[in-house]
Amino acid sequence: MDLRTHRAADTDEKKISYWQRWVNHFADHGWLSRLFYYTWDEPPSQINPKVQDQAELAHRADPRIRNLVTTSFDQSLQGAVDIWAPLINCIDGKPGFPDFCERMATREVYDAEIQRGRSLWWYQSCASHGCKVSRGDYFRGWPSYVIDIAAVANRIMPWLSWRYKVEGELYFSMNEAFSQDVDAWENIYLFGGNGDGTLFYPGRPDQIGGTSDIPIESIRLKLIREGLEDYEYLVLLSRRGLSDFAEEEVCQIITKVYQWDRDPEKLYAVRRALGERLSASSNQTKNTENGGEQGNRHGAAMPQISLPCPLDE
């Protein structure tokens, strides 16, 4: 959950007091691991000193506040950023095209930060489909949550997160079209794509009947859910010491952020293989609990392995 700053907190002292109350409330309820402070959105490098000041203020309020900044790794922000959240386009450059981002940082750049206790998230944006009407080949191939794209593109993001060992995903809005001067049932075209930032529809009585408004999930949101369930398969396999098998299967459909198989049958085939192996490992665990050989009953940390399809190829 994003730790917001109330408009009435117009001085550093008021901000610190406000944040401290939020942190204590979340800590008292055991929710602290879910709290972060969205410190700055896509800052250009020239304002890094301001980002640093704001991050330091949050840490002064409580060192447990995790500062999230939507930017690629930047050495000048080390110590200020607790959660690096780069745009997916900033992790893998496309051969034949200029870098899309001011700063590019490949996945391995973040390993040292992760070892220091920082986290790596990422996010997609209109850069997955082209933010304006005129588009080019660069904007083809990225995962996306817009409507006018293959369904696999809506589902593949959690698979990519597993493949790249990314801990979290940020998405800027679920109902962006609701704030526009249009009916979301008739027009959700924003930022160059239909449905960008809008994953729910307004369930008004005039549209669906009944007497109260409810959120109506899009098919795209259901596909995202499917992708997260696929991710759970991979996590469970890892906890049972089967990370190498999971990696080999994922490598059959994913090469890079912008290179993955669009054939849904291939995705289903890999998912089926993951599920069957998971089911077999469950049976082995049951046998172990009944007196068989010692197994990985309580899960295991993800081992350091040599990936079968390295990211730098």
C-alpha atoms as a PDB file:
ATOM      1  CA  MET A   1       0.000   0.000   0.000  1.00  0.00           C
ATOM      2  CA  ASP A   2       1.264   3.422  -0.936  1.00  0.00           C
ATOM      3  CA  LEU A   3       1.951   5.709   2.021  1.00  0.00           C
ATOM      4  CA  ARG A   4       0.392   8.948   0.845  1.00  0.00           C
ATOM      5  CA  THR A   5       0.994  12.446   2.156  1.00  0.00           C
ATOM      6  CA  HIS A   6      -2.055  14.409   3.295  1.00  0.00           C
ATOM      7  CA  ARG A   7      -2.414  17.869   1.755  1.00  0.00           C
ATOM      8  CA  ALA A   8      -2.545  19.363   5.252  1.00  0.00           C
ATOM      9  CA  ALA A   9       0.975  18.051   5.933  1.00  0.00           C
ATOM     10  CA  ASP A  10       2.584  21.120   4.397  1.00  0.00           C
ATOM     11  CA  THR A  11       5.794  21.183   6.464  1.00  0.00           C
ATOM     12  CA  ASP A  12       8.503  18.600   7.064  1.00  0.00           C
ATOM     13  CA  GLU A  13       7.482  18.289  10.709  1.00  0.00           C
ATOM     14  CA  LYS A  14       3.850  17.609   9.786  1.00  0.00           C
ATOM     15  CA  LYS A  15       4.881  15.054   7.159  1.00  0.00           C
ATOM     16  CA  ILE A  16       7.064  13.231   9.654  1.00  0.00           C
ATOM     17  CA  SER A  17       4.278  13.135  12.248  1.00  0.00           C
ATOM     18  CA  TYR A  18       1.747  11.948   9.654  1.00  0.00           C
ATOM     19  CA  TRP A  19       4.009   9.200   8.316  1.00  0.00           C
ATOM     20  CA  GLN A  20       4.934   8.004  11.797  1.00  0.00           C
ATOM     21  CA  ARG A  21       1.279   7.460  12.665  1.00  0.00           C
ATOM     22  CA  TRP A  22       0.739   5.476   9.489  1.00  0.00           C
ATOM     23  CA  VAL A  23       3.806   3.308  10.109  1.00  0.00           C
ATOM     24  CA  ASN A  24       2.829   2.623  13.713  1.00  0.00           C
ATOM     25  CA  HIS A  25      -0.723   1.737  12.669  1.00  0.00           C
ATOM     26  CA  PHE A  26       0.499  -0.721  10.048  1.00  0.00           C
ATOM     27  CA  ALA A  27       3.108  -2.181  12.400  1.00  0.00           C
ATOM     28  CA  ASP A  28       0.519  -2.702  15.148  1.00  0.00           C
ATOM     29  CA  HIS A  29      -1.634  -4.727  12.743  1.00  0.00           C
ATOM     30  CA  GLY A  30       1.226  -6.731  11.206  1.00  0.00           C
ATOM     31  CA  TRP A  31       0.880  -5.011   7.825  1.00  0.00           C
ATOM     32  CA  LEU A  32       4.190  -3.163   7.685  1.00  0.00           C
ATOM     33  CA  SER A  33       5.651  -5.354   4.933  1.00  0.00           C
ATOM     34  CA  ARG A  34       2.856  -4.133   2.641  1.00  0.00           C
ATOM     35  CA  LEU A  35       3.560  -0.444   3.148  1.00  0.00           C
ATOM     36  CA  PHE A  36       5.786   1.673   0.914  1.00  0.00           C
ATOM     37  CA  TYR A  37       6.203   5.345   0.109  1.00  0.00           C
ATOM     38  CA  TYR A  38       5.889   6.287  -3.568  1.00  0.00           C
ATOM     39  CA  THR A  39       8.669   8.835  -3.256  1.00  0.00           C
ATOM     40  CA  TRP A  40       8.878  10.069  -6.851  1.00  0.00           C
ATOM     41  CA  ASP A  41       7.491   9.111 -10.247  1.00  0.00           C
ATOM     42  CA  GLU A  42       9.926   8.801 -13.164  1.00  0.00           C
ATOM     43  CA  PRO A  43      12.339  11.513 -12.015  1.00  0.00           C
ATOM     44  CA  PRO A  44      14.811  12.852 -14.598  1.00  0.00           C
ATOM     45  CA  SER A  45      18.376  12.684 -13.346  1.00  0.00           C
ATOM     46  CA  GLN A  46      18.644  16.446 -12.831  1.00  0.00           C
ATOM     47  CA  ILE A  47      16.168  16.357  -9.938  1.00  0.00           C
ATOM     48  CA  ASN A  48      17.846  13.466  -8.115  1.00  0.00           C
ATOM     49  CA  PRO A  49      18.852  15.812  -5.254  1.00  0.00           C
ATOM     50  CA  LYS A  50      15.155  16.515  -4.607  1.00  0.00           C
ATOM     51  CA  VAL A  51      14.397  12.791  -4.684  1.00  0.00           C
ATOM     52  CA  GLN A  52      17.238  12.200  -2.237  1.00  0.00           C
ATOM     53  CA  ASP A  53      15.923  14.889   0.134  1.00  0.00           C
ATOM     54  CA  GLN A  54      12.392  13.494   0.089  1.00  0.00           C
ATOM     55  CA  ALA A  55      13.615   9.933   0.656  1.00  0.00           C
ATOM     56  CA  GLU A  56      15.827  11.011   3.537  1.00  0.00           C
ATOM     57  CA  LEU A  57      12.885  12.820   5.128  1.00  0.00           C
ATOM     58  CA  ALA A  58      10.835   9.623   5.004  1.00  0.00           C
ATOM     59  CA  HIS A  59      13.676   7.625   6.550  1.00  0.00           C
ATOM     60  CA  ARG A  60      14.008  10.272   9.244  1.00  0.00           C
ATOM     61  CA  ALA A  61      10.346   9.780  10.088  1.00  0.00           C
ATOM     62  CA  ASP A  62      10.918   6.034  10.413  1.00  0.00           C
ATOM     63  CA  PRO A  63      13.760   3.926   8.947  1.00  0.00           C
ATOM     64  CA  ARG A  64      11.218   1.196   8.272  1.00  0.00           C
ATOM     65  CA  ILE A  65       9.558   3.284   5.548  1.00  0.00           C
ATOM     66  CA  ARG A  66      10.490   1.822   2.177  1.00  0.00           C
ATOM     67  CA  ASN A  67      11.008   4.439  -0.506  1.00  0.00           C
ATOM     68  CA  LEU A  68       9.819   3.389  -3.968  1.00  0.00           C
ATOM     69  CA  VAL A  69      11.014   5.322  -6.997  1.00  0.00           C
ATOM     70  CA  THR A  70      10.034   4.492 -10.569  1.00  0.00           C
ATOM     71  CA  THR A  71      13.488   4.697 -12.073  1.00  0.00           C
ATOM     72  CA  SER A  72      16.346   2.544 -13.255  1.00  0.00           C
ATOM     73  CA  PHE A  73      19.299   2.043 -10.949  1.00  0.00           C
ATOM     74  CA  ASP A  74      21.224   5.250 -10.361  1.00  0.00           C
ATOM     75  CA  GLN A  75      24.270   5.273  -8.117  1.00  0.00           C
ATOM     76  CA  SER A  76      23.471   8.786  -6.921  1.00  0.00           C
ATOM     77  CA  LEU A  77      20.248   7.435  -5.360  1.00  0.00           C
ATOM     78  CA  GLN A  78      21.840   4.535  -3.502  1.00  0.00           C
ATOM     79  CA  GLY A  79      20.713   4.519   0.104  1.00  0.00           C
ATOM     80  CA  ALA A  80      17.677   6.635  -0.687  1.00  0.00           C
ATOM     81  CA  VAL A  81      15.767   4.064  -2.737  1.00  0.00           C
ATOM     82  CA  ASP A  82      14.527   0.919  -1.005  1.00  0.00           C
ATOM     83  CA  ILE A  83      12.394  -0.338  -3.892  1.00  0.00           C
ATOM     84  CA  TRP A  84      13.742   0.159  -7.395  1.00  0.00           C
ATOM     85  CA  ALA A  85      10.867   0.100  -9.891  1.00  0.00           C
ATOM     86  CA  PRO A  86      12.189   0.516 -13.433  1.00  0.00           C
ATOM     87  CA  LEU A  87      10.060   0.497 -16.555  1.00  0.00           C
ATOM     88  CA  ILE A  88      10.272  -2.903 -18.248  1.00  0.00           C
ATOM     89  CA  ASN A  89      11.679  -1.189 -21.353  1.00  0.00           C
ATOM     90  CA  CYS A  90      14.655  -0.021 -19.273  1.00  0.00           C
ATOM     91  CA  ILE A  91      15.830  -3.547 -18.422  1.00  0.00           C
ATOM     92  CA  ASP A  92      16.113  -4.988 -21.925  1.00  0.00           C
ATOM     93  CA  GLY A  93      17.155  -2.801 -24.818  1.00  0.00           C
ATOM     94  CA  LYS A  94      15.967  -3.776 -28.285  1.00  0.00           C
ATOM     95  CA  PRO A  95      18.718  -4.307 -30.856  1.00  0.00           C
ATOM     96  CA  GLY A  96      18.433  -1.897 -33.752  1.00  0.00           C
ATOM     97  CA  PHE A  97      16.636   0.766 -31.720  1.00  0.00           C
ATOM     98  CA  PRO A  98      17.943   3.592 -29.526  1.00  0.00           C
ATOM     99  CA  ASP A  99      17.510   3.129 -25.785  1.00  0.00           C
ATOM    100  CA  PHE A 100      14.012   4.105 -24.744  1.00  0.00           C
ATOM    101  CA  CYS A 101      15.043   5.198 -21.243  1.00  0.00           C
ATOM    102  CA  GLU A 102      17.386   7.909 -20.048  1.00  0.00           C
ATOM    103  CA  ARG A 103      19.141   5.267 -17.963  1.00  0.00           C
ATOM    104  CA  MET A 104      19.260   1.590 -18.901  1.00  0.00           C
ATOM    105  CA  ALA A 105      20.152  -1.024 -16.290  1.00  0.00           C
ATOM    106  CA  THR A 106      20.054  -4.732 -17.063  1.00  0.00           C
ATOM    107  CA  ARG A 107      18.694  -7.184 -14.524  1.00  0.00           C
ATOM    108  CA  GLU A 108      22.052  -8.202 -13.052  1.00  0.00           C
ATOM    109  CA  VAL A 109      22.817  -4.582 -12.129  1.00  0.00           C
ATOM    110  CA  TYR A 110      20.294  -4.885  -9.293  1.00  0.00           C
ATOM    111  CA  ASP A 111      21.848  -7.972  -7.687  1.00  0.00           C
ATOM    112  CA  ALA A 112      24.135  -5.941  -5.436  1.00  0.00           C
ATOM    113  CA  GLU A 113      21.220  -3.790  -4.288  1.00  0.00           C
ATOM    114  CA  ILE A 114      19.139  -6.884  -3.511  1.00  0.00           C
ATOM    115  CA  GLN A 115      22.025  -8.268  -1.462  1.00  0.00           C
ATOM    116  CA  ARG A 116      21.936  -5.010   0.524  1.00  0.00           C
ATOM    117  CA  GLY A 117      18.287  -5.618   1.380  1.00  0.00           C
ATOM    118  CA  ARG A 118      16.711  -3.497  -1.349  1.00  0.00           C
ATOM    119  CA  SER A 119      13.883  -4.770  -3.533  1.00  0.00           C
ATOM    120  CA  LEU A 120      13.340  -4.846  -7.274  1.00  0.00           C
ATOM    121  CA  TRP A 121       9.899  -4.196  -8.728  1.00  0.00           C
ATOM    122  CA  TRP A 122       9.035  -3.121 -12.252  1.00  0.00           C
ATOM    123  CA  TYR A 123       6.141  -1.748 -14.248  1.00  0.00           C
ATOM    124  CA  GLN A 124       4.735  -1.510 -17.742  1.00  0.00           C
ATOM    125  CA  SER A 125       3.253   1.579 -19.346  1.00  0.00           C
ATOM    126  CA  CYS A 126       2.045   2.963 -22.648  1.00  0.00           C
ATOM    127  CA  ALA A 127       5.609   2.287 -23.819  1.00  0.00           C
ATOM    128  CA  SER A 128       4.434  -1.294 -24.340  1.00  0.00           C
ATOM    129  CA  HIS A 129       2.136  -0.280 -27.190  1.00  0.00           C
ATOM    130  CA  GLY A 130       3.154   3.266 -28.119  1.00  0.00           C
ATOM    131  CA  CYS A 131       1.935   6.270 -26.182  1.00  0.00           C
ATOM    132  CA  LYS A 132       0.845   8.181 -29.269  1.00  0.00           C
ATOM    133  CA  VAL A 133      -1.083   7.362 -32.417  1.00  0.00           C
ATOM    134  CA  SER A 134       2.076   6.994 -34.512  1.00  0.00           C
ATOM    135  CA  ARG A 135       3.863   3.807 -33.497  1.00  0.00           C
ATOM    136  CA  GLY A 136       6.817   1.822 -34.752  1.00  0.00           C
ATOM    137  CA  ASP A 137       8.246  -1.666 -34.550  1.00  0.00           C
ATOM    138  CA  TYR A 138       9.945  -0.847 -31.254  1.00  0.00           C
ATOM    139  CA  PHE A 139       6.576  -1.010 -29.491  1.00  0.00           C
ATOM    140  CA  ARG A 140       5.822  -4.546 -30.656  1.00  0.00           C
ATOM    141  CA  GLY A 141       6.395  -7.535 -28.430  1.00  0.00           C
ATOM    142  CA  TRP A 142       6.164  -6.088 -24.930  1.00  0.00           C
ATOM    143  CA  PRO A 143       3.680  -7.389 -22.337  1.00  0.00           C
ATOM    144  CA  SER A 144       0.639  -5.152 -22.102  1.00  0.00           C
ATOM    145  CA  TYR A 145      -2.721  -4.813 -20.365  1.00  0.00           C
ATOM    146  CA  VAL A 146      -4.501  -3.041 -23.216  1.00  0.00           C
ATOM    147  CA  ILE A 147      -7.424  -4.609 -25.092  1.00  0.00           C
ATOM    148  CA  ASP A 148      -6.154  -4.702 -28.675  1.00  0.00           C
ATOM    149  CA  ILE A 149      -3.448  -7.308 -28.180  1.00  0.00           C
ATOM    150  CA  ALA A 150      -3.118 -11.079 -27.906  1.00  0.00           C
ATOM    151  CA  ALA A 151      -4.470 -12.491 -24.640  1.00  0.00           C
ATOM    152  CA  VAL A 152      -1.084 -14.016 -23.805  1.00  0.00           C
ATOM    153  CA  ALA A 153       0.298 -10.465 -23.582  1.00  0.00           C
ATOM    154  CA  ASN A 154      -2.130  -9.782 -20.718  1.00  0.00           C
ATOM    155  CA  ARG A 155      -1.074 -12.958 -18.921  1.00  0.00           C
ATOM    156  CA  ILE A 156       2.694 -13.128 -19.418  1.00  0.00           C
ATOM    157  CA  MET A 157       3.855 -10.448 -16.945  1.00  0.00           C
ATOM    158  CA  PRO A 158       3.983 -12.736 -13.855  1.00  0.00           C
ATOM    159  CA  TRP A 159       5.930 -15.293 -15.892  1.00  0.00           C
ATOM    160  CA  LEU A 160       8.422 -12.575 -16.787  1.00  0.00           C
ATOM    161  CA  SER A 161       8.646 -11.548 -13.128  1.00  0.00           C
ATOM    162  CA  TRP A 162       9.584 -15.118 -12.265  1.00  0.00           C
ATOM    163  CA  ARG A 163      12.063 -15.343 -15.126  1.00  0.00           C
ATOM    164  CA  TYR A 164      13.793 -12.098 -14.167  1.00  0.00           C
ATOM    165  CA  LYS A 165      13.480 -12.656 -10.402  1.00  0.00           C
ATOM    166  CA  VAL A 166      11.520  -9.436  -9.874  1.00  0.00           C
ATOM    167  CA  GLU A 167       9.747  -9.196  -6.531  1.00  0.00           C
ATOM    168  CA  GLY A 168       6.834  -6.905  -7.326  1.00  0.00           C
ATOM    169  CA  GLU A 169       4.858  -5.191 -10.043  1.00  0.00           C
ATOM    170  CA  LEU A 170       3.523  -1.643 -10.005  1.00  0.00           C
ATOM    171  CA  TYR A 171       0.542  -0.612 -12.120  1.00  0.00           C
ATOM    172  CA  PHE A 172      -0.533   3.006 -12.187  1.00  0.00           C
ATOM    173  CA  SER A 173      -4.333   2.712 -12.135  1.00  0.00           C
ATOM    174  CA  MET A 174      -7.238   0.289 -12.303  1.00  0.00           C
ATOM    175  CA  ASN A 175      -9.952   2.809 -13.200  1.00  0.00           C
ATOM    176  CA  GLU A 176      -8.236   5.647 -15.042  1.00  0.00           C
ATOM    177  CA  ALA A 177     -11.081   6.113 -17.529  1.00  0.00           C
ATOM    178  CA  PHE A 178     -13.555   6.779 -14.708  1.00  0.00           C
ATOM    179  CA  SER A 179     -11.997  10.199 -14.173  1.00  0.00           C
ATOM    180  CA  GLN A 180     -12.426  11.235 -17.797  1.00  0.00           C
ATOM    181  CA  ASP A 181     -15.371  13.105 -19.313  1.00  0.00           C
ATOM    182  CA  VAL A 182     -16.552   9.966 -21.107  1.00  0.00           C
ATOM    183  CA  ASP A 183     -18.511   6.844 -20.249  1.00  0.00           C
ATOM    184  CA  ALA A 184     -16.062   4.011 -19.598  1.00  0.00           C
ATOM    185  CA  TRP A 185     -18.529   1.613 -21.231  1.00  0.00           C
ATOM    186  CA  GLU A 186     -18.173   3.529 -24.484  1.00  0.00           C
ATOM    187  CA  ASN A 187     -14.596   4.801 -24.540  1.00  0.00           C
ATOM    188  CA  ILE A 188     -11.544   3.755 -22.541  1.00  0.00           C
ATOM    189  CA  TYR A 189      -8.940   4.902 -25.044  1.00  0.00           C
ATOM    190  CA  LEU A 190      -6.113   6.583 -23.137  1.00  0.00           C
ATOM    191  CA  PHE A 191      -2.384   7.088 -23.699  1.00  0.00           C
ATOM    192  CA  GLY A 192      -2.479   5.500 -27.138  1.00  0.00           C
ATOM    193  CA  GLY A 193      -4.264   2.293 -26.130  1.00  0.00           C
ATOM    194  CA  ASN A 194      -7.735   0.989 -25.368  1.00  0.00           C
ATOM    195  CA  GLY A 195      -7.898   0.084 -21.702  1.00  0.00           C
ATOM    196  CA  ASP A 196      -4.550   1.457 -20.582  1.00  0.00           C
ATOM    197  CA  GLY A 197      -4.985   2.038 -16.843  1.00  0.00           C
ATOM    198  CA  THR A 198      -8.554   0.711 -16.796  1.00  0.00           C
ATOM    199  CA  LEU A 199      -9.039  -2.895 -15.680  1.00  0.00           C
ATOM    200  CA  PHE A 200     -12.501  -2.464 -14.134  1.00  0.00           C
ATOM    201  CA  TYR A 201     -15.749  -1.233 -15.638  1.00  0.00           C
ATOM    202  CA  PRO A 202     -18.307   0.754 -13.625  1.00  0.00           C
ATOM    203  CA  GLY A 203     -21.108  -1.646 -12.722  1.00  0.00           C
ATOM    204  CA  ARG A 204     -23.903   0.892 -12.675  1.00  0.00           C
ATOM    205  CA  PRO A 205     -27.527  -0.220 -12.339  1.00  0.00           C
ATOM    206  CA  ASP A 206     -28.324   1.310 -15.736  1.00  0.00           C
ATOM    207  CA  GLN A 207     -25.811  -1.089 -17.266  1.00  0.00           C
ATOM    208  CA  ILE A 208     -26.139  -4.274 -15.215  1.00  0.00           C
ATOM    209  CA  GLY A 209     -29.381  -3.880 -13.278  1.00  0.00           C
ATOM    210  CA  GLY A 210     -29.680  -4.064  -9.517  1.00  0.00           C
ATOM    211  CA  THR A 211     -29.734  -1.114  -7.164  1.00  0.00           C
ATOM    212  CA  SER A 212     -26.091  -0.391  -6.326  1.00  0.00           C
ATOM    213  CA  ASP A 213     -22.827   0.245  -8.128  1.00  0.00           C
ATOM    214  CA  ILE A 214     -20.249  -2.543  -8.154  1.00  0.00           C
ATOM    215  CA  PRO A 215     -16.906  -2.971  -9.957  1.00  0.00           C
ATOM    216  CA  ILE A 216     -17.013  -5.224 -13.021  1.00  0.00           C
ATOM    217  CA  GLU A 217     -13.744  -6.966 -13.773  1.00  0.00           C
ATOM    218  CA  SER A 218     -12.447  -6.975 -17.336  1.00  0.00           C
ATOM    219  CA  ILE A 219     -11.415 -10.116 -19.193  1.00  0.00           C
ATOM    220  CA  ARG A 220      -7.903  -8.674 -19.071  1.00  0.00           C
ATOM    221  CA  LEU A 221      -7.983  -8.606 -15.274  1.00  0.00           C
ATOM    222  CA  LYS A 222      -9.021 -12.252 -15.278  1.00  0.00           C
ATOM    223  CA  LEU A 223      -6.075 -13.042 -17.535  1.00  0.00           C
ATOM    224  CA  ILE A 224      -3.760 -11.226 -15.116  1.00  0.00           C
ATOM    225  CA  ARG A 225      -5.206 -13.392 -12.347  1.00  0.00           C
ATOM    226  CA  GLU A 226      -4.444 -16.485 -14.442  1.00  0.00           C
ATOM    227  CA  GLY A 227      -0.870 -15.294 -14.820  1.00  0.00           C
ATOM    228  CA  LEU A 228      -0.542 -14.835 -11.063  1.00  0.00           C
ATOM    229  CA  GLU A 229      -1.836 -18.363 -10.527  1.00  0.00           C
ATOM    230  CA  ASP A 230       0.797 -19.577 -13.001  1.00  0.00           C
ATOM    231  CA  TYR A 231       3.359 -17.717 -10.890  1.00  0.00           C
ATOM    232  CA  GLU A 232       2.126 -19.547  -7.794  1.00  0.00           C
ATOM    233  CA  TYR A 233       2.904 -22.848  -9.507  1.00  0.00           C
ATOM    234  CA  LEU A 234       6.479 -21.663 -10.020  1.00  0.00           C
ATOM    235  CA  VAL A 235       6.812 -20.518  -6.412  1.00  0.00           C
ATOM    236  CA  LEU A 236       5.497 -23.815  -5.062  1.00  0.00           C
ATOM    237  CA  LEU A 237       7.893 -25.771  -7.260  1.00  0.00           C
ATOM    238  CA  SER A 238      10.764 -23.635  -5.989  1.00  0.00           C
ATOM    239  CA  ARG A 239       9.795 -24.286  -2.381  1.00  0.00           C
ATOM    240  CA  ARG A 240       9.978 -27.996  -3.104  1.00  0.00           C
ATOM    241  CA  GLY A 241      13.483 -27.728  -4.491  1.00  0.00           C
ATOM    242  CA  LEU A 242      12.403 -27.852  -8.136  1.00  0.00           C
ATOM    243  CA  SER A 243      13.548 -24.421  -9.302  1.00  0.00           C
ATOM    244  CA  ASP A 244      15.754 -25.901 -12.007  1.00  0.00           C
ATOM    245  CA  PHE A 245      12.792 -27.749 -13.509  1.00  0.00           C
ATOM    246  CA  ALA A 246      10.654 -24.601 -13.353  1.00  0.00           C
ATOM    247  CA  GLU A 247      13.381 -22.557 -15.054  1.00  0.00           C
ATOM    248  CA  GLU A 248      13.748 -25.081 -17.858  1.00  0.00           C
ATOM    249  CA  GLU A 249      10.020 -25.000 -18.534  1.00  0.00           C
ATOM    250  CA  VAL A 250       9.770 -21.206 -18.445  1.00  0.00           C
ATOM    251  CA  CYS A 251      12.705 -20.921 -20.826  1.00  0.00           C
ATOM    252  CA  GLN A 252      10.654 -22.752 -23.434  1.00  0.00           C
ATOM    253  CA  ILE A 253       8.385 -19.749 -23.846  1.00  0.00           C
ATOM    254  CA  ILE A 254      10.425 -16.731 -22.644  1.00  0.00           C
ATOM    255  CA  THR A 255      13.708 -15.313 -23.924  1.00  0.00           C
ATOM    256  CA  LYS A 256      13.503 -11.611 -23.070  1.00  0.00           C
ATOM    257  CA  VAL A 257      10.923  -9.113 -21.868  1.00  0.00           C
ATOM    258  CA  TYR A 258       9.917  -8.476 -25.474  1.00  0.00           C
ATOM    259  CA  GLN A 259      10.555 -12.037 -26.743  1.00  0.00           C
ATOM    260  CA  TRP A 260       8.083 -14.668 -25.575  1.00  0.00           C
ATOM    261  CA  ASP A 261       5.841 -17.165 -27.319  1.00  0.00           C
ATOM    262  CA  ARG A 262       2.435 -15.817 -28.340  1.00  0.00           C
ATOM    263  CA  ASP A 263       0.941 -19.282 -28.871  1.00  0.00           C
ATOM    264  CA  PRO A 264      -1.514 -19.938 -26.002  1.00  0.00           C
ATOM    265  CA  GLU A 265      -1.232 -23.689 -26.556  1.00  0.00           C
ATOM    266  CA  LYS A 266       2.474 -23.572 -25.761  1.00  0.00           C
ATOM    267  CA  LEU A 267       1.798 -21.614 -22.585  1.00  0.00           C
ATOM    268  CA  TYR A 268      -0.842 -24.150 -21.590  1.00  0.00           C
ATOM    269  CA  ALA A 269       1.562 -27.007 -22.323  1.00  0.00           C
ATOM    270  CA  VAL A 270       4.190 -25.517 -20.023  1.00  0.00           C
ATOM    271  CA  ARG A 271       1.587 -24.804 -17.355  1.00  0.00           C
ATOM    272  CA  ARG A 272       0.370 -28.397 -17.588  1.00  0.00           C
ATOM    273  CA  ALA A 273       3.921 -29.686 -17.162  1.00  0.00           C
ATOM    274  CA  LEU A 274       4.384 -27.456 -14.110  1.00  0.00           C
ATOM    275  CA  GLY A 275       1.118 -28.648 -12.595  1.00  0.00           C
ATOM    276  CA  GLU A 276       1.866 -32.317 -13.190  1.00  0.00           C
ATOM    277  CA  ARG A 277       5.309 -32.006 -11.626  1.00  0.00           C
ATOM    278  CA  LEU A 278       3.826 -30.120  -8.696  1.00  0.00           C
ATOM    279  CA  SER A 279       1.193 -32.809  -8.227  1.00  0.00           C
ATOM    280  CA  ALA A 280       3.844 -35.533  -8.348  1.00  0.00           C
ATOM    281  CA  SER A 281       5.960 -33.690  -5.793  1.00  0.00           C
ATOM    282  CA  SER A 282       2.899 -33.409  -3.534  1.00  0.00           C
ATOM    283  CA  ASN A 283       2.504 -37.170  -3.648  1.00  0.00           C
ATOM    284  CA  GLN A 284       6.192 -37.600  -2.847  1.00  0.00           C
ATOM    285  CA  THR A 285       5.805 -35.250   0.117  1.00  0.00           C
ATOM    286  CA  LYS A 286       2.892 -37.321   1.405  1.00  0.00           C
ATOM    287  CA  ASN A 287       4.988 -40.459   1.103  1.00  0.00           C
ATOM    288  CA  THR A 288       7.790 -38.770   3.020  1.00  0.00           C
ATOM    289  CA  GLU A 289       5.387 -37.785   5.780  1.00  0.00           C
ATOM    290  CA  ASN A 290       4.343 -41.427   5.988  1.00  0.00           C
ATOM    291  CA  GLY A 291       7.894 -42.580   6.630  1.00  0.00           C
ATOM    292  CA  GLY A 292       9.659 -42.308   3.279  1.00  0.00           C
ATOM    293  CA  GLU A 293      12.933 -40.571   2.529  1.00  0.00           C
ATOM    294  CA  GLN A 294      13.569 -37.110   3.901  1.00  0.00           C
ATOM    295  CA  GLY A 295      12.120 -34.479   1.542  1.00  0.00           C
ATOM    296  CA  ASN A 296      11.776 -30.738   1.267  1.00  0.00           C
ATOM    297  CA  ARG A 297       8.599 -30.615   3.343  1.00  0.00           C
ATOM    298  CA  HIS A 298       8.748 -27.057   4.527  1.00  0.00           C
ATOM    299  CA  GLY A 299       9.861 -25.367   1.329  1.00  0.00           C
ATOM    300  CA  ALA A 300      13.275 -24.039   0.434  1.00  0.00           C
ATOM    301  CA  ALA A 301      14.857 -20.759  -0.473  1.00  0.00           C
ATOM    302  CA  MET A 302      15.375 -20.296  -4.183  1.00  0.00           C
ATOM    303  CA  PRO A 303      18.830 -21.726  -4.923  1.00  0.00           C
ATOM    304  CA  GLN A 304      21.497 -19.939  -6.921  1.00  0.00           C
ATOM    305  CA  ILE A 305      21.570 -21.789 -10.224  1.00  0.00           C
ATOM    306  CA  SER A 306      23.015 -21.414 -13.675  1.00  0.00           C
ATOM    307  CA  LEU A 307      20.039 -20.497 -15.812  1.00  0.00           C
ATOM    308  CA  PRO A 308      19.467 -22.771 -18.818  1.00  0.00           C
ATOM    309  CA  CYS A 309      18.711 -19.762 -21.031  1.00  0.00           C
ATOM    310  CA  PRO A 310      20.814 -16.866 -19.683  1.00  0.00           C
ATOM    311  CA  LEU A 311      19.299 -13.407 -19.896  1.00  0.00           C
ATOM    312  CA  ASP A 312      22.349 -11.912 -21.578  1.00  0.00           C
ATOM    313  CA  GLU A 313      22.140 -14.090 -24.687  1.00  0.00           C
END
